[in-house]
Amino acid sequence: MSFKLIGLSIVILLLSACDRVGSDAWCEKQKQRPKGEWTLDESSQYTKYCVFGLDSEKWCKKLEKKPKGEWTANEGIEYASSCVFDRGES
């Protein structure tokens, strides 16, 4: 169990060093990358945040209402990097 926690902590720390998903900088970097190199998750996030302009703050609040046991791994990682670390930078 502690190895999973350590692994997740490392992933979160690595992600926190990156541009926040949905930020202008992140959208611009994605736009410059060949679309054939995008993961399915990156394509989905680009569409949500960069094309449709989804507000990441609203997404954070919506996810907070969802029981944590029902979160996907990707939601947990994105929540940690976008909602926990980025809120601290404001």
PDB file of N, CA and C in Angstrom:
ATOM      1  N   MET A   1       0.819  -1.190   0.000  1.00  0.00           N
ATOM      2  CA  MET A   1       0.000   0.000   0.000  1.00  0.00           C
ATOM      3  C   MET A   1       0.864   1.256   0.000  1.00  0.00           C
ATOM      4  N   SER A   2       1.912   1.273   0.799  1.00  0.00           N
ATOM      5  CA  SER A   2       2.749   2.465   0.859  1.00  0.00           C
ATOM      6  C   SER A   2       3.482   2.706  -0.461  1.00  0.00           C
ATOM      7  N   PHE A   3       3.767   1.630  -1.215  1.00  0.00           N
ATOM      8  CA  PHE A   3       4.407   1.815  -2.524  1.00  0.00           C
ATOM      9  C   PHE A   3       3.471   2.535  -3.483  1.00  0.00           C
ATOM     10  N   LYS A   4       2.174   2.231  -3.410  1.00  0.00           N
ATOM     11  CA  LYS A   4       1.199   2.915  -4.263  1.00  0.00           C
ATOM     12  C   LYS A   4       1.149   4.391  -3.907  1.00  0.00           C
ATOM     13  N   LEU A   5       1.151   4.689  -2.623  1.00  0.00           N
ATOM     14  CA  LEU A   5       1.109   6.072  -2.171  1.00  0.00           C
ATOM     15  C   LEU A   5       2.361   6.822  -2.601  1.00  0.00           C
ATOM     16  N   ILE A   6       3.502   6.187  -2.488  1.00  0.00           N
ATOM     17  CA  ILE A   6       4.761   6.805  -2.913  1.00  0.00           C
ATOM     18  C   ILE A   6       4.735   7.051  -4.423  1.00  0.00           C
ATOM     19  N   GLY A   7       4.264   6.049  -5.171  1.00  0.00           N
ATOM     20  CA  GLY A   7       4.187   6.191  -6.621  1.00  0.00           C
ATOM     21  C   GLY A   7       3.260   7.323  -7.029  1.00  0.00           C
ATOM     22  N   LEU A   8       2.089   7.392  -6.402  1.00  0.00           N
ATOM     23  CA  LEU A   8       1.146   8.462  -6.705  1.00  0.00           C
ATOM     24  C   LEU A   8       1.732   9.812  -6.336  1.00  0.00           C
ATOM     25  N   SER A   9       2.432   9.891  -5.227  1.00  0.00           N
ATOM     26  CA  SER A   9       3.064  11.146  -4.812  1.00  0.00           C
ATOM     27  C   SER A   9       4.092  11.609  -5.838  1.00  0.00           C
ATOM     28  N   ILE A  10       4.865  10.682  -6.355  1.00  0.00           N
ATOM     29  CA  ILE A  10       5.873  11.029  -7.371  1.00  0.00           C
ATOM     30  C   ILE A  10       5.193  11.550  -8.626  1.00  0.00           C
ATOM     31  N   VAL A  11       4.138  10.873  -9.070  1.00  0.00           N
ATOM     32  CA  VAL A  11       3.406  11.307 -10.260  1.00  0.00           C
ATOM     33  C   VAL A  11       2.847  12.708 -10.046  1.00  0.00           C
ATOM     34  N   ILE A  12       2.254  12.948  -8.897  1.00  0.00           N
ATOM     35  CA  ILE A  12       1.674  14.260  -8.601  1.00  0.00           C
ATOM     36  C   ILE A  12       2.753  15.338  -8.599  1.00  0.00           C
ATOM     37  N   LEU A  13       3.889  15.050  -8.005  1.00  0.00           N
ATOM     38  CA  LEU A  13       4.974  16.031  -7.992  1.00  0.00           C
ATOM     39  C   LEU A  13       5.486  16.325  -9.390  1.00  0.00           C
ATOM     40  N   LEU A  14       5.592  15.292 -10.208  1.00  0.00           N
ATOM     41  CA  LEU A  14       6.031  15.498 -11.589  1.00  0.00           C
ATOM     42  C   LEU A  14       5.024  16.331 -12.367  1.00  0.00           C
ATOM     43  N   LEU A  15       3.745  16.030 -12.158  1.00  0.00           N
ATOM     44  CA  LEU A  15       2.718  16.777 -12.862  1.00  0.00           C
ATOM     45  C   LEU A  15       2.632  18.223 -12.396  1.00  0.00           C
ATOM     46  N   SER A  16       2.929  18.460 -11.139  1.00  0.00           N
ATOM     47  CA  SER A  16       2.844  19.823 -10.623  1.00  0.00           C
ATOM     48  C   SER A  16       3.906  20.726 -11.254  1.00  0.00           C
ATOM     49  N   ALA A  17       4.962  20.139 -11.779  1.00  0.00           N
ATOM     50  CA  ALA A  17       6.002  20.920 -12.437  1.00  0.00           C
ATOM     51  C   ALA A  17       5.602  21.303 -13.857  1.00  0.00           C
ATOM     52  N   CYS A  18       4.560  20.679 -14.373  1.00  0.00           N
ATOM     53  CA  CYS A  18       4.087  20.927 -15.730  1.00  0.00           C
ATOM     54  C   CYS A  18       3.072  22.062 -15.731  1.00  0.00           C
ATOM     55  N   ASP A  19       2.791  22.575 -16.935  1.00  0.00           N
ATOM     56  CA  ASP A  19       1.723  23.553 -17.065  1.00  0.00           C
ATOM     57  C   ASP A  19       0.403  22.894 -16.709  1.00  0.00           C
ATOM     58  N   ARG A  20      -0.453  23.645 -16.036  1.00  0.00           N
ATOM     59  CA  ARG A  20      -1.759  23.134 -15.637  1.00  0.00           C
ATOM     60  C   ARG A  20      -2.569  22.776 -16.879  1.00  0.00           C
ATOM     61  N   VAL A  21      -3.187  21.615 -16.819  1.00  0.00           N
ATOM     62  CA  VAL A  21      -4.048  21.184 -17.922  1.00  0.00           C
ATOM     63  C   VAL A  21      -5.137  22.226 -18.111  1.00  0.00           C
ATOM     64  N   GLY A  22      -5.305  22.684 -19.341  1.00  0.00           N
ATOM     65  CA  GLY A  22      -6.326  23.677 -19.646  1.00  0.00           C
ATOM     66  C   GLY A  22      -5.844  25.105 -19.585  1.00  0.00           C
ATOM     67  N   SER A  23      -4.625  25.324 -19.066  1.00  0.00           N
ATOM     68  CA  SER A  23      -4.097  26.693 -19.019  1.00  0.00           C
ATOM     69  C   SER A  23      -3.752  27.137 -20.446  1.00  0.00           C
ATOM     70  N   ASP A  24      -3.629  28.435 -20.633  1.00  0.00           N
ATOM     71  CA  ASP A  24      -3.273  28.948 -21.963  1.00  0.00           C
ATOM     72  C   ASP A  24      -1.951  28.364 -22.442  1.00  0.00           C
ATOM     73  N   ALA A  25      -0.978  28.255 -21.531  1.00  0.00           N
ATOM     74  CA  ALA A  25       0.331  27.707 -21.901  1.00  0.00           C
ATOM     75  C   ALA A  25       0.203  26.244 -22.308  1.00  0.00           C
ATOM     76  N   TRP A  26      -0.587  25.470 -21.549  1.00  0.00           N
ATOM     77  CA  TRP A  26      -0.782  24.054 -21.871  1.00  0.00           C
ATOM     78  C   TRP A  26      -1.466  23.918 -23.231  1.00  0.00           C
ATOM     79  N   CYS A  27      -2.514  24.712 -23.465  1.00  0.00           N
ATOM     80  CA  CYS A  27      -3.228  24.652 -24.752  1.00  0.00           C
ATOM     81  C   CYS A  27      -2.296  24.982 -25.910  1.00  0.00           C
ATOM     82  N   GLU A  28      -1.469  25.991 -25.720  1.00  0.00           N
ATOM     83  CA  GLU A  28      -0.538  26.388 -26.784  1.00  0.00           C
ATOM     84  C   GLU A  28       0.479  25.284 -27.070  1.00  0.00           C
ATOM     85  N   LYS A  29       1.015  24.656 -26.011  1.00  0.00           N
ATOM     86  CA  LYS A  29       1.971  23.561 -26.209  1.00  0.00           C
ATOM     87  C   LYS A  29       1.316  22.392 -26.927  1.00  0.00           C
ATOM     88  N   GLN A  30       0.087  22.074 -26.539  1.00  0.00           N
ATOM     89  CA  GLN A  30      -0.614  20.965 -27.210  1.00  0.00           C
ATOM     90  C   GLN A  30      -0.843  21.293 -28.677  1.00  0.00           C
ATOM     91  N   LYS A  31      -1.202  22.533 -28.950  1.00  0.00           N
ATOM     92  CA  LYS A  31      -1.474  22.946 -30.326  1.00  0.00           C
ATOM     93  C   LYS A  31      -0.237  22.763 -31.202  1.00  0.00           C
ATOM     94  N   GLN A  32       0.944  22.955 -30.624  1.00  0.00           N
ATOM     95  CA  GLN A  32       2.189  22.834 -31.376  1.00  0.00           C
ATOM     96  C   GLN A  32       2.606  21.385 -31.623  1.00  0.00           C
ATOM     97  N   ARG A  33       2.142  20.456 -30.774  1.00  0.00           N
ATOM     98  CA  ARG A  33       2.503  19.040 -30.907  1.00  0.00           C
ATOM     99  C   ARG A  33       1.683  18.390 -32.022  1.00  0.00           C
ATOM    100  N   PRO A  34       2.282  17.468 -32.786  1.00  0.00           N
ATOM    101  CA  PRO A  34       1.503  16.736 -33.794  1.00  0.00           C
ATOM    102  C   PRO A  34       0.370  15.957 -33.119  1.00  0.00           C
ATOM    103  N   LYS A  35      -0.821  16.057 -33.646  1.00  0.00           N
ATOM    104  CA  LYS A  35      -1.986  15.419 -33.033  1.00  0.00           C
ATOM    105  C   LYS A  35      -1.857  13.903 -32.984  1.00  0.00           C
ATOM    106  N   GLY A  36      -1.055  13.332 -33.842  1.00  0.00           N
ATOM    107  CA  GLY A  36      -0.811  11.893 -33.815  1.00  0.00           C
ATOM    108  C   GLY A  36      -0.059  11.431 -32.575  1.00  0.00           C
ATOM    109  N   GLU A  37       0.583  12.360 -31.876  1.00  0.00           N
ATOM    110  CA  GLU A  37       1.328  12.036 -30.660  1.00  0.00           C
ATOM    111  C   GLU A  37       0.491  12.217 -29.396  1.00  0.00           C
ATOM    112  N   TRP A  38      -0.704  12.784 -29.519  1.00  0.00           N
ATOM    113  CA  TRP A  38      -1.551  13.016 -28.365  1.00  0.00           C
ATOM    114  C   TRP A  38      -2.125  11.706 -27.853  1.00  0.00           C
ATOM    115  N   THR A  39      -2.260  11.612 -26.535  1.00  0.00           N
ATOM    116  CA  THR A  39      -2.961  10.465 -25.957  1.00  0.00           C
ATOM    117  C   THR A  39      -4.459  10.751 -26.048  1.00  0.00           C
ATOM    118  N   LEU A  40      -5.257   9.738 -25.808  1.00  0.00           N
ATOM    119  CA  LEU A  40      -6.705   9.925 -25.802  1.00  0.00           C
ATOM    120  C   LEU A  40      -7.101  10.923 -24.712  1.00  0.00           C
ATOM    121  N   ASP A  41      -6.444  10.835 -23.554  1.00  0.00           N
ATOM    122  CA  ASP A  41      -6.725  11.745 -22.451  1.00  0.00           C
ATOM    123  C   ASP A  41      -6.368  13.181 -22.828  1.00  0.00           C
ATOM    124  N   GLU A  42      -5.238  13.385 -23.470  1.00  0.00           N
ATOM    125  CA  GLU A  42      -4.844  14.729 -23.891  1.00  0.00           C
ATOM    126  C   GLU A  42      -5.827  15.299 -24.911  1.00  0.00           C
ATOM    127  N   SER A  43      -6.296  14.463 -25.824  1.00  0.00           N
ATOM    128  CA  SER A  43      -7.280  14.906 -26.809  1.00  0.00           C
ATOM    129  C   SER A  43      -8.569  15.353 -26.129  1.00  0.00           C
ATOM    130  N   SER A  44      -8.998  14.563 -25.155  1.00  0.00           N
ATOM    131  CA  SER A  44     -10.210  14.887 -24.414  1.00  0.00           C
ATOM    132  C   SER A  44     -10.053  16.191 -23.641  1.00  0.00           C
ATOM    133  N   GLN A  45      -8.923  16.337 -22.951  1.00  0.00           N
ATOM    134  CA  GLN A  45      -8.675  17.547 -22.170  1.00  0.00           C
ATOM    135  C   GLN A  45      -8.551  18.774 -23.067  1.00  0.00           C
ATOM    136  N   TYR A  46      -7.887  18.630 -24.195  1.00  0.00           N
ATOM    137  CA  TYR A  46      -7.740  19.749 -25.129  1.00  0.00           C
ATOM    138  C   TYR A  46      -9.111  20.206 -25.602  1.00  0.00           C
ATOM    139  N   THR A  47      -9.954  19.241 -25.945  1.00  0.00           N
ATOM    140  CA  THR A  47     -11.300  19.575 -26.419  1.00  0.00           C
ATOM    141  C   THR A  47     -12.092  20.282 -25.325  1.00  0.00           C
ATOM    142  N   LYS A  48     -12.051  19.736 -24.104  1.00  0.00           N
ATOM    143  CA  LYS A  48     -12.812  20.335 -23.003  1.00  0.00           C
ATOM    144  C   LYS A  48     -12.348  21.746 -22.677  1.00  0.00           C
ATOM    145  N   TYR A  49     -11.045  21.900 -22.487  1.00  0.00           N
ATOM    146  CA  TYR A  49     -10.528  23.157 -21.962  1.00  0.00           C
ATOM    147  C   TYR A  49     -10.145  24.174 -23.029  1.00  0.00           C
ATOM    148  N   CYS A  50      -9.578  23.722 -24.128  1.00  0.00           N
ATOM    149  CA  CYS A  50      -9.056  24.652 -25.120  1.00  0.00           C
ATOM    150  C   CYS A  50     -10.066  24.973 -26.221  1.00  0.00           C
ATOM    151  N   VAL A  51     -10.882  23.995 -26.588  1.00  0.00           N
ATOM    152  CA  VAL A  51     -11.863  24.225 -27.653  1.00  0.00           C
ATOM    153  C   VAL A  51     -13.168  24.766 -27.078  1.00  0.00           C
ATOM    154  N   PHE A  52     -13.721  24.054 -26.086  1.00  0.00           N
ATOM    155  CA  PHE A  52     -15.010  24.448 -25.522  1.00  0.00           C
ATOM    156  C   PHE A  52     -14.882  25.439 -24.370  1.00  0.00           C
ATOM    157  N   GLY A  53     -13.672  25.657 -23.870  1.00  0.00           N
ATOM    158  CA  GLY A  53     -13.449  26.642 -22.826  1.00  0.00           C
ATOM    159  C   GLY A  53     -14.041  26.281 -21.471  1.00  0.00           C
ATOM    160  N   LEU A  54     -14.069  24.989 -21.150  1.00  0.00           N
ATOM    161  CA  LEU A  54     -14.567  24.559 -19.852  1.00  0.00           C
ATOM    162  C   LEU A  54     -13.765  25.217 -18.745  1.00  0.00           C
ATOM    163  N   ASP A  55     -14.445  25.685 -17.739  1.00  0.00           N
ATOM    164  CA  ASP A  55     -13.807  26.341 -16.604  1.00  0.00           C
ATOM    165  C   ASP A  55     -13.276  25.278 -15.653  1.00  0.00           C
ATOM    166  N   SER A  56     -11.959  25.214 -15.474  1.00  0.00           N
ATOM    167  CA  SER A  56     -11.372  24.176 -14.638  1.00  0.00           C
ATOM    168  C   SER A  56     -11.771  24.337 -13.169  1.00  0.00           C
ATOM    169  N   GLU A  57     -12.039  25.559 -12.727  1.00  0.00           N
ATOM    170  CA  GLU A  57     -12.480  25.778 -11.337  1.00  0.00           C
ATOM    171  C   GLU A  57     -13.837  25.117 -11.108  1.00  0.00           C
ATOM    172  N   LYS A  58     -14.728  25.233 -12.077  1.00  0.00           N
ATOM    173  CA  LYS A  58     -16.044  24.575 -11.959  1.00  0.00           C
ATOM    174  C   LYS A  58     -15.876  23.058 -11.965  1.00  0.00           C
ATOM    175  N   TRP A  59     -14.942  22.569 -12.788  1.00  0.00           N
ATOM    176  CA  TRP A  59     -14.697  21.128 -12.838  1.00  0.00           C
ATOM    177  C   TRP A  59     -14.216  20.642 -11.479  1.00  0.00           C
ATOM    178  N   CYS A  60     -13.331  21.394 -10.852  1.00  0.00           N
ATOM    179  CA  CYS A  60     -12.818  21.019  -9.528  1.00  0.00           C
ATOM    180  C   CYS A  60     -13.962  20.932  -8.518  1.00  0.00           C
ATOM    181  N   LYS A  61     -14.817  21.933  -8.500  1.00  0.00           N
ATOM    182  CA  LYS A  61     -15.934  21.955  -7.558  1.00  0.00           C
ATOM    183  C   LYS A  61     -16.905  20.800  -7.813  1.00  0.00           C
ATOM    184  N   LYS A  62     -17.142  20.498  -9.073  1.00  0.00           N
ATOM    185  CA  LYS A  62     -18.040  19.391  -9.412  1.00  0.00           C
ATOM    186  C   LYS A  62     -17.447  18.064  -8.938  1.00  0.00           C
ATOM    187  N   LEU A  63     -16.146  17.874  -9.146  1.00  0.00           N
ATOM    188  CA  LEU A  63     -15.508  16.631  -8.741  1.00  0.00           C
ATOM    189  C   LEU A  63     -15.483  16.492  -7.225  1.00  0.00           C
ATOM    190  N   GLU A  64     -15.353  17.605  -6.514  1.00  0.00           N
ATOM    191  CA  GLU A  64     -15.352  17.567  -5.053  1.00  0.00           C
ATOM    192  C   GLU A  64     -16.659  17.029  -4.493  1.00  0.00           C
ATOM    193  N   LYS A  65     -17.738  17.194  -5.239  1.00  0.00           N
ATOM    194  CA  LYS A  65     -19.045  16.695  -4.802  1.00  0.00           C
ATOM    195  C   LYS A  65     -19.199  15.192  -5.055  1.00  0.00           C
ATOM    196  N   LYS A  66     -18.385  14.642  -5.947  1.00  0.00           N
ATOM    197  CA  LYS A  66     -18.436  13.217  -6.283  1.00  0.00           C
ATOM    198  C   LYS A  66     -17.676  12.430  -5.220  1.00  0.00           C
ATOM    199  N   PRO A  67     -18.239  11.312  -4.720  1.00  0.00           N
ATOM    200  CA  PRO A  67     -17.508  10.513  -3.723  1.00  0.00           C
ATOM    201  C   PRO A  67     -16.137  10.082  -4.261  1.00  0.00           C
ATOM    202  N   LYS A  68     -15.102  10.261  -3.453  1.00  0.00           N
ATOM    203  CA  LYS A  68     -13.733   9.965  -3.907  1.00  0.00           C
ATOM    204  C   LYS A  68     -13.557   8.510  -4.325  1.00  0.00           C
ATOM    205  N   GLY A  69     -14.344   7.613  -3.753  1.00  0.00           N
ATOM    206  CA  GLY A  69     -14.278   6.214  -4.139  1.00  0.00           C
ATOM    207  C   GLY A  69     -14.752   5.958  -5.555  1.00  0.00           C
ATOM    208  N   GLU A  70     -15.440   6.922  -6.139  1.00  0.00           N
ATOM    209  CA  GLU A  70     -15.943   6.793  -7.513  1.00  0.00           C
ATOM    210  C   GLU A  70     -15.060   7.520  -8.535  1.00  0.00           C
ATOM    211  N   TRP A  71     -14.027   8.193  -8.059  1.00  0.00           N
ATOM    212  CA  TRP A  71     -13.116   8.885  -8.970  1.00  0.00           C
ATOM    213  C   TRP A  71     -12.305   7.865  -9.754  1.00  0.00           C
ATOM    214  N   THR A  72     -12.016   8.184 -11.009  1.00  0.00           N
ATOM    215  CA  THR A  72     -11.084   7.369 -11.783  1.00  0.00           C
ATOM    216  C   THR A  72      -9.666   7.794 -11.386  1.00  0.00           C
ATOM    217  N   ALA A  73      -8.695   6.986 -11.751  1.00  0.00           N
ATOM    218  CA  ALA A  73      -7.293   7.341 -11.471  1.00  0.00           C
ATOM    219  C   ALA A  73      -6.940   8.658 -12.161  1.00  0.00           C
ATOM    220  N   ASN A  74      -7.388   8.836 -13.394  1.00  0.00           N
ATOM    221  CA  ASN A  74      -7.097  10.067 -14.125  1.00  0.00           C
ATOM    222  C   ASN A  74      -7.727  11.278 -13.451  1.00  0.00           C
ATOM    223  N   GLU A  75      -8.955  11.110 -12.923  1.00  0.00           N
ATOM    224  CA  GLU A  75      -9.593  12.218 -12.220  1.00  0.00           C
ATOM    225  C   GLU A  75      -8.799  12.592 -10.970  1.00  0.00           C
ATOM    226  N   GLY A  76      -8.322  11.589 -10.238  1.00  0.00           N
ATOM    227  CA  GLY A  76      -7.533  11.850  -9.042  1.00  0.00           C
ATOM    228  C   GLY A  76      -6.251  12.597  -9.347  1.00  0.00           C
ATOM    229  N   ILE A  77      -5.560  12.173 -10.387  1.00  0.00           N
ATOM    230  CA  ILE A  77      -4.310  12.823 -10.781  1.00  0.00           C
ATOM    231  C   ILE A  77      -4.577  14.233 -11.278  1.00  0.00           C
ATOM    232  N   GLU A  78      -5.597  14.385 -12.130  1.00  0.00           N
ATOM    233  CA  GLU A  78      -5.911  15.717 -12.656  1.00  0.00           C
ATOM    234  C   GLU A  78      -6.379  16.639 -11.533  1.00  0.00           C
ATOM    235  N   TYR A  79      -7.159  16.101 -10.589  1.00  0.00           N
ATOM    236  CA  TYR A  79      -7.607  16.910  -9.460  1.00  0.00           C
ATOM    237  C   TYR A  79      -6.404  17.398  -8.644  1.00  0.00           C
ATOM    238  N   ALA A  80      -5.490  16.493  -8.353  1.00  0.00           N
ATOM    239  CA  ALA A  80      -4.316  16.867  -7.560  1.00  0.00           C
ATOM    240  C   ALA A  80      -3.498  17.948  -8.265  1.00  0.00           C
ATOM    241  N   SER A  81      -3.266  17.779  -9.555  1.00  0.00           N
ATOM    242  CA  SER A  81      -2.417  18.741 -10.260  1.00  0.00           C
ATOM    243  C   SER A  81      -3.141  20.027 -10.585  1.00  0.00           C
ATOM    244  N   SER A  82      -4.439  19.961 -10.900  1.00  0.00           N
ATOM    245  CA  SER A  82      -5.160  21.160 -11.337  1.00  0.00           C
ATOM    246  C   SER A  82      -5.874  21.879 -10.209  1.00  0.00           C
ATOM    247  N   CYS A  83      -6.342  21.148  -9.224  1.00  0.00           N
ATOM    248  CA  CYS A  83      -7.179  21.758  -8.190  1.00  0.00           C
ATOM    249  C   CYS A  83      -6.444  21.995  -6.877  1.00  0.00           C
ATOM    250  N   VAL A  84      -5.470  21.164  -6.558  1.00  0.00           N
ATOM    251  CA  VAL A  84      -4.746  21.310  -5.294  1.00  0.00           C
ATOM    252  C   VAL A  84      -3.519  22.184  -5.483  1.00  0.00           C
ATOM    253  N   PHE A  85      -2.619  21.792  -6.379  1.00  0.00           N
ATOM    254  CA  PHE A  85      -1.368  22.532  -6.565  1.00  0.00           C
ATOM    255  C   PHE A  85      -1.604  23.901  -7.181  1.00  0.00           C
ATOM    256  N   ASP A  86      -2.480  23.996  -8.191  1.00  0.00           N
ATOM    257  CA  ASP A  86      -2.688  25.281  -8.866  1.00  0.00           C
ATOM    258  C   ASP A  86      -3.417  26.281  -7.985  1.00  0.00           C
ATOM    259  N   ARG A  87      -4.286  25.833  -7.110  1.00  0.00           N
ATOM    260  CA  ARG A  87      -4.966  26.764  -6.198  1.00  0.00           C
ATOM    261  C   ARG A  87      -3.971  27.419  -5.258  1.00  0.00           C
ATOM    262  N   GLY A  88      -2.924  26.686  -4.921  1.00  0.00           N
ATOM    263  CA  GLY A  88      -1.912  27.228  -4.010  1.00  0.00           C
ATOM    264  C   GLY A  88      -1.059  28.298  -4.649  1.00  0.00           C
ATOM    265  N   GLU A  89      -1.028  28.351  -5.975  1.00  0.00           N
ATOM    266  CA  GLU A  89      -0.199  29.325  -6.685  1.00  0.00           C
ATOM    267  C   GLU A  89      -0.887  30.664  -6.843  1.00  0.00           C
ATOM    268  N   SER A  90      -2.212  30.724  -6.643  1.00  0.00           N
ATOM    269  CA  SER A  90      -2.973  31.949  -6.873  1.00  0.00           C
ATOM    270  C   SER A  90      -2.606  33.044  -5.903  1.00  0.00           C
TER     271      SER A  90
END
